[in-house]
């Protein structure tokens, strides 16, 4: 599933190609792609057609376009769920249409320059979809708005409203596994399974360590590693373990070649040489070094 760096890579592409464009037509080719939309396909088409995309936003792994109605009022957003395999594709009308086998939603755009193009949602596994939602005040930042369905999601490490000291304090007051806390989108958003494992390896912490056994200083360090590893992934377009993940130009990320633990079970640890271990955690695979990632508390850690 795409994580924050992948979603941010897609957001940057959407921002470049879609902002300022008006939706002149929308066709839904698969009902599952609009299953979250109250009123279904007809409601999505009716609310989206005639609006203009004025901003591309992201919080954690959630992506949305702020929409202005014909009078210029901005009070709705197109929330885009990428799911397991969702792709957003920009197709110029003067270029070949390409593969349409898994095309779920096709929309026509007129750009700010008057040029036509198409904005596609392609999704082989059909876990993703589009949904037009009302914008509501952001609980975490005065003067900003977010779609109502993600109002409960906490800021991510790249958000101006994010406060690592505050997050670490909340984590330490809990009695839960530290990896579970990293994945809790109500505490901090955007840290998925891959980058949680990478951050824990860098911090020399086992994911099963309890948060109240870890110092606040160490938790702040861990959160810093999470941001750093995602920042590095952003620089190369994200991590691609699935040929289905591409950005709006059909290009895959390459950060997976630089991962230290995730997906490297049995390979030597890049720090101490011990074989990387793999175990199940929260219905996911966790990867860690059994030698240099501490599984019990050490004074001051």
Protein backbone atom coordinates (compact mmCIF):
# COMPACT_ATOMS: atom_id res chain seq x y z
CA UNK A 1 0.00 0.00 0.00
CA UNK A 2 1.38 3.44 -0.84
CA UNK A 3 2.79 5.28 2.18
CA UNK A 4 3.38 8.99 2.80
CA UNK A 5 6.32 9.44 0.38
CA UNK A 6 4.41 7.70 -2.41
CA UNK A 7 1.28 9.78 -1.77
CA UNK A 8 3.32 13.00 -1.62
CA UNK A 9 4.99 12.09 -4.92
CA UNK A 10 1.53 11.65 -6.45
CA UNK A 11 0.32 14.91 -4.86
CA UNK A 12 3.19 16.84 -6.42
CA UNK A 13 2.31 15.43 -9.82
CA UNK A 14 -1.38 16.25 -9.39
CA UNK A 15 -0.48 19.76 -8.23
CA UNK A 16 1.56 20.31 -11.38
CA UNK A 17 -1.01 18.97 -13.85
CA UNK A 18 -4.46 19.46 -12.32
CA UNK A 19 -4.49 22.64 -10.22
CA UNK A 20 -6.34 25.39 -12.05
CA UNK A 21 -8.20 22.90 -14.24
CA UNK A 22 -11.99 22.56 -14.35
CA UNK A 23 -13.80 19.22 -14.37
CA UNK A 24 -16.02 19.30 -17.46
CA UNK A 25 -17.06 15.66 -17.43
CA UNK A 26 -16.84 12.59 -15.20
CA UNK A 27 -17.60 8.95 -15.98
CA UNK A 28 -17.58 6.21 -13.34
CA UNK A 29 -16.71 2.79 -14.79
CA UNK A 30 -16.84 0.72 -11.59
CA UNK A 31 -19.20 1.20 -8.65
CA UNK A 32 -16.57 0.13 -6.10
CA UNK A 33 -14.57 3.20 -6.98
CA UNK A 34 -17.36 5.38 -5.53
CA UNK A 35 -18.57 3.11 -2.72
CA UNK A 36 -17.61 5.71 -0.07
CA UNK A 37 -19.61 8.43 -1.83
CA UNK A 38 -23.04 9.06 -0.34
CA UNK A 39 -25.39 8.87 -3.31
CA UNK A 40 -22.96 6.84 -5.40
CA UNK A 41 -21.78 7.63 -8.90
CA UNK A 42 -24.51 10.15 -9.68
CA UNK A 43 -23.65 12.19 -6.59
CA UNK A 44 -19.92 12.18 -7.36
CA UNK A 45 -20.50 13.26 -10.97
CA UNK A 46 -22.97 15.95 -9.94
CA UNK A 47 -20.76 17.44 -7.22
CA UNK A 48 -17.52 17.26 -9.22
CA UNK A 49 -18.57 18.48 -12.66
CA UNK A 50 -18.10 22.22 -13.10
CA UNK A 51 -15.72 22.60 -10.16
CA UNK A 52 -12.13 23.81 -10.40
CA UNK A 53 -9.25 22.22 -8.52
CA UNK A 54 -7.55 25.03 -6.58
CA UNK A 55 -5.17 23.13 -4.28
CA UNK A 56 -3.73 19.64 -3.82
CA UNK A 57 -3.41 18.72 -0.15
CA UNK A 58 -2.17 15.76 1.85
CA UNK A 59 -2.23 14.67 5.47
CA UNK A 60 -0.43 11.45 6.18
CA UNK A 61 -1.49 9.04 3.45
CA UNK A 62 -4.69 10.97 2.66
CA UNK A 63 -4.83 13.04 -0.52
CA UNK A 64 -7.45 15.57 -1.57
CA UNK A 65 -8.13 18.36 -4.05
CA UNK A 66 -9.83 21.52 -2.80
CA UNK A 67 -12.63 22.43 -5.20
CA UNK A 68 -14.04 25.84 -6.09
CA UNK A 69 -17.59 26.00 -7.42
CA UNK A 70 -18.40 28.21 -10.45
CA UNK A 71 -18.87 31.21 -8.15
CA UNK A 72 -15.45 30.69 -6.57
CA UNK A 73 -16.61 29.27 -3.21
CA UNK A 74 -14.26 26.61 -1.83
CA UNK A 75 -16.16 24.37 0.59
CA UNK A 76 -15.72 20.87 -0.87
CA UNK A 77 -12.87 18.52 -1.66
CA UNK A 78 -12.27 15.50 -3.85
CA UNK A 79 -10.77 12.91 -1.48
CA UNK A 80 -8.73 10.31 -3.33
CA UNK A 81 -8.15 6.90 -1.74
CA UNK A 82 -5.29 5.10 -3.50
CA UNK A 83 -6.00 1.83 -1.68
CA UNK A 84 -3.63 -1.00 -2.53
CA UNK A 85 -3.05 -0.27 -6.19
CA UNK A 86 -4.69 3.03 -7.13
CA UNK A 87 -3.00 5.19 -9.77
CA UNK A 88 -3.77 8.72 -10.91
CA UNK A 89 -2.88 9.28 -14.54
CA UNK A 90 -2.80 12.45 -16.61
CA UNK A 91 -3.63 11.77 -20.27
CA UNK A 92 -3.40 14.55 -22.85
CA UNK A 93 -5.97 14.23 -25.60
CA UNK A 94 -3.30 14.37 -28.29
CA UNK A 95 -1.53 11.32 -26.84
CA UNK A 96 -2.54 7.65 -27.09
CA UNK A 97 -5.01 6.64 -24.39
CA UNK A 98 -2.96 3.59 -23.39
CA UNK A 99 -4.12 0.81 -21.07
CA UNK A 100 -7.74 1.16 -19.93
CA UNK A 101 -8.42 -2.35 -18.60
CA UNK A 102 -8.48 -1.20 -14.96
CA UNK A 103 -9.79 2.33 -15.55
CA UNK A 104 -12.34 3.03 -12.80
CA UNK A 105 -13.02 6.77 -13.17
CA UNK A 106 -12.34 8.99 -16.16
CA UNK A 107 -12.67 12.75 -15.90
CA UNK A 108 -12.22 15.44 -18.54
CA UNK A 109 -10.42 18.66 -17.68
CA UNK A 110 -10.00 22.06 -19.20
CA UNK A 111 -6.81 23.63 -17.92
CA UNK A 112 -6.26 27.24 -16.94
CA UNK A 113 -4.66 27.70 -20.37
CA UNK A 114 -7.75 26.29 -22.09
CA UNK A 115 -6.09 23.03 -23.02
CA UNK A 116 -8.02 19.76 -22.63
CA UNK A 117 -6.74 16.66 -20.86
CA UNK A 118 -8.05 13.66 -18.97
CA UNK A 119 -7.55 12.73 -15.33
CA UNK A 120 -7.87 8.98 -14.72
CA UNK A 121 -8.20 6.78 -11.67
CA UNK A 122 -6.85 3.31 -12.46
CA UNK A 123 -7.10 0.60 -9.80
CA UNK A 124 -6.56 -3.09 -10.49
CA UNK A 125 -7.52 -4.31 -7.01
CA UNK A 126 -10.42 -1.85 -6.57
CA UNK A 127 -9.69 -1.00 -2.92
CA UNK A 128 -9.35 2.72 -3.68
CA UNK A 129 -11.78 5.32 -4.91
CA UNK A 130 -12.94 8.94 -5.15
CA UNK A 131 -15.29 10.81 -2.84
CA UNK A 132 -16.43 14.45 -2.76
CA UNK A 133 -16.68 15.61 0.86
CA UNK A 134 -17.40 18.82 2.76
CA UNK A 135 -14.47 20.85 4.08
CA UNK A 136 -14.52 21.53 7.83
CA UNK A 137 -12.20 23.53 10.15
CA UNK A 138 -8.92 21.76 10.90
CA UNK A 139 -8.82 20.81 14.59
CA UNK A 140 -5.01 20.91 14.53
CA UNK A 141 -4.38 24.22 12.76
CA UNK A 142 -6.37 27.45 12.92
CA UNK A 143 -7.41 28.92 9.60
CA UNK A 144 -7.12 25.68 7.64
CA UNK A 145 -9.76 23.25 6.42
CA UNK A 146 -9.75 19.50 5.86
CA UNK A 147 -12.33 17.04 4.50
CA UNK A 148 -14.72 15.97 7.26
CA UNK A 149 -13.85 12.29 6.89
CA UNK A 150 -10.20 12.88 7.85
CA UNK A 151 -10.72 15.56 10.52
CA UNK A 152 -9.68 13.03 13.18
CA UNK A 153 -6.33 12.26 11.52
CA UNK A 154 -3.30 13.70 13.31
CA UNK A 155 -0.70 15.86 11.51
CA UNK A 156 2.17 14.01 9.88
CA UNK A 157 5.88 14.76 10.44
CA UNK A 158 5.94 17.18 7.48
CA UNK A 159 2.88 19.17 8.61
CA UNK A 160 3.41 22.64 10.05
CA UNK A 161 1.03 21.68 12.89
CA UNK A 162 3.16 18.66 13.85
CA UNK A 163 4.93 18.78 17.23
CA UNK A 164 7.28 15.84 17.87
CA UNK A 165 7.71 16.73 21.56
CA UNK A 166 3.95 16.65 22.09
CA UNK A 167 3.55 13.38 20.19
CA UNK A 168 6.39 11.76 22.17
CA UNK A 169 4.76 12.88 25.40
CA UNK A 170 1.44 11.31 24.43
CA UNK A 171 3.17 8.11 23.33
CA UNK A 172 5.03 7.81 26.63
CA UNK A 173 1.81 8.14 28.63
CA UNK A 174 0.42 5.11 26.84
CA UNK A 175 1.14 1.47 27.66
CA UNK A 176 1.40 0.02 24.17
CA UNK A 177 3.96 -1.38 21.74
CA UNK A 178 6.01 1.40 20.19
CA UNK A 179 5.38 0.19 16.64
CA UNK A 180 1.64 0.16 17.30
CA UNK A 181 1.95 3.79 18.46
CA UNK A 182 3.88 4.76 15.31
CA UNK A 183 1.09 3.27 13.18
CA UNK A 184 -1.69 5.00 15.16
CA UNK A 185 -2.97 7.67 12.76
CA UNK A 186 -4.67 9.53 15.62
CA UNK A 187 -1.24 10.11 17.21
CA UNK A 188 0.88 10.81 14.15
CA UNK A 189 -0.18 10.17 10.58
CA UNK A 190 1.71 8.96 7.56
CA UNK A 191 4.10 6.46 9.18
CA UNK A 192 3.26 3.12 7.62
CA UNK A 193 4.69 -0.34 8.08
CA UNK A 194 7.78 0.10 5.90
CA UNK A 195 8.97 3.36 7.41
CA UNK A 196 8.07 2.31 10.97
CA UNK A 197 10.44 -0.65 10.62
CA UNK A 198 13.16 1.55 9.15
CA UNK A 199 12.81 4.20 11.89
CA UNK A 200 12.87 1.57 14.65
CA UNK A 201 16.03 0.04 13.18
CA UNK A 202 17.74 3.44 13.08
CA UNK A 203 16.71 4.10 16.69
CA UNK A 204 17.86 0.59 17.77
CA UNK A 205 14.42 -0.13 19.24
CA UNK A 206 12.34 -3.31 18.90
CA UNK A 207 8.80 -2.60 17.75
CA UNK A 208 7.37 -4.61 20.63
CA UNK A 209 8.96 -2.36 23.28
CA UNK A 210 6.32 -0.63 25.41
CA UNK A 211 6.16 3.12 25.00
CA UNK A 212 6.13 3.81 28.75
CA UNK A 213 9.46 1.97 29.03
CA UNK A 214 11.16 4.35 26.57
CA UNK A 215 12.38 7.82 27.51
CA UNK A 216 10.75 10.84 25.91
CA UNK A 217 14.12 11.83 24.48
CA UNK A 218 14.39 8.44 22.74
CA UNK A 219 10.84 8.70 21.39
CA UNK A 220 11.59 12.14 19.94
CA UNK A 221 14.70 10.61 18.34
CA UNK A 222 12.57 7.80 16.90
CA UNK A 223 10.09 10.27 15.42
CA UNK A 224 13.00 12.17 13.92
CA UNK A 225 14.24 8.99 12.25
CA UNK A 226 10.74 8.39 10.85
CA UNK A 227 10.74 11.82 9.24
CA UNK A 228 14.30 11.41 7.98
CA UNK A 229 13.71 8.06 6.29
CA UNK A 230 10.53 9.35 4.63
CA UNK A 231 12.37 12.50 3.53
CA UNK A 232 15.02 10.33 1.88
CA UNK A 233 12.31 8.29 0.17
CA UNK A 234 10.66 11.47 -1.10
CA UNK A 235 13.92 12.48 -2.75
CA UNK A 236 13.72 9.43 -5.04
CA UNK A 237 9.96 9.17 -5.47
CA UNK A 238 9.02 6.74 -2.72
CA UNK A 239 9.33 2.99 -2.22
CA UNK A 240 7.97 0.67 -4.87
CA UNK A 241 7.46 -2.99 -3.96
CA UNK A 242 4.58 -3.39 -6.39
CA UNK A 243 4.70 -2.81 -10.12
CA UNK A 244 1.22 -1.31 -9.79
CA UNK A 245 2.49 1.72 -7.86
CA UNK A 246 3.40 4.60 -10.14
CA UNK A 247 3.14 8.36 -9.97
CA UNK A 248 1.03 10.43 -12.36
CA UNK A 249 3.61 10.03 -15.11
CA UNK A 250 3.81 6.25 -14.75
CA UNK A 251 7.19 6.26 -13.02
CA UNK A 252 7.97 4.03 -10.04
CA UNK A 253 9.96 4.98 -6.95
CA UNK A 254 13.33 3.42 -6.20
CA UNK A 255 13.89 3.91 -2.48
CA UNK A 256 13.22 0.20 -1.85
CA UNK A 257 16.81 -0.38 -2.98
CA UNK A 258 18.03 1.61 0.04
CA UNK A 259 15.98 0.02 2.85
CA UNK A 260 17.92 -1.38 5.80
CA UNK A 261 15.47 -3.93 7.22
CA UNK A 262 12.09 -4.05 5.52
CA UNK A 263 11.89 -6.95 3.08
CA UNK A 264 15.42 -8.14 3.99
CA UNK A 265 14.61 -11.18 6.17
CA UNK A 266 17.69 -13.42 6.40
CA UNK A 267 20.04 -10.80 4.96
CA UNK A 268 22.84 -9.44 7.16
CA UNK A 269 22.12 -6.33 9.21
CA UNK A 270 23.87 -3.35 7.65
CA UNK A 271 25.04 -2.32 11.13
CA UNK A 272 26.08 -5.51 12.98
CA UNK A 273 25.88 -8.33 10.44
CA UNK A 274 23.28 -10.43 12.26
CA UNK A 275 20.54 -11.93 10.05
CA UNK A 276 17.46 -9.70 9.79
CA UNK A 277 14.43 -11.35 11.40
CA UNK A 278 10.80 -11.23 10.33
CA UNK A 279 7.72 -11.67 12.53
CA UNK A 280 4.00 -11.00 12.37
CA UNK A 281 2.71 -7.87 14.08
CA UNK A 282 -0.80 -6.40 13.70
CA UNK A 283 -1.40 -8.61 10.65
CA UNK A 284 1.71 -7.18 9.03
CA UNK A 285 5.29 -8.32 8.62
CA UNK A 286 7.80 -6.66 10.95
CA UNK A 287 11.49 -6.73 10.09
CA UNK A 288 14.20 -6.04 12.66
CA UNK A 289 17.72 -6.93 13.77
CA UNK A 290 17.50 -9.24 16.82
CA UNK A 291 21.00 -8.25 17.93
CA UNK A 292 21.08 -4.45 17.81
CA UNK A 293 17.43 -3.52 18.28
CA UNK A 294 16.77 -3.59 21.99
CA UNK A 295 13.84 -5.72 23.15
CA UNK A 296 14.03 -4.62 26.78
CA UNK A 297 14.51 -1.38 28.62
CA UNK A 298 17.98 0.00 29.26
CA UNK A 299 18.41 2.79 31.83
CA UNK A 300 17.98 6.16 30.16
CA UNK A 301 16.69 4.68 26.88
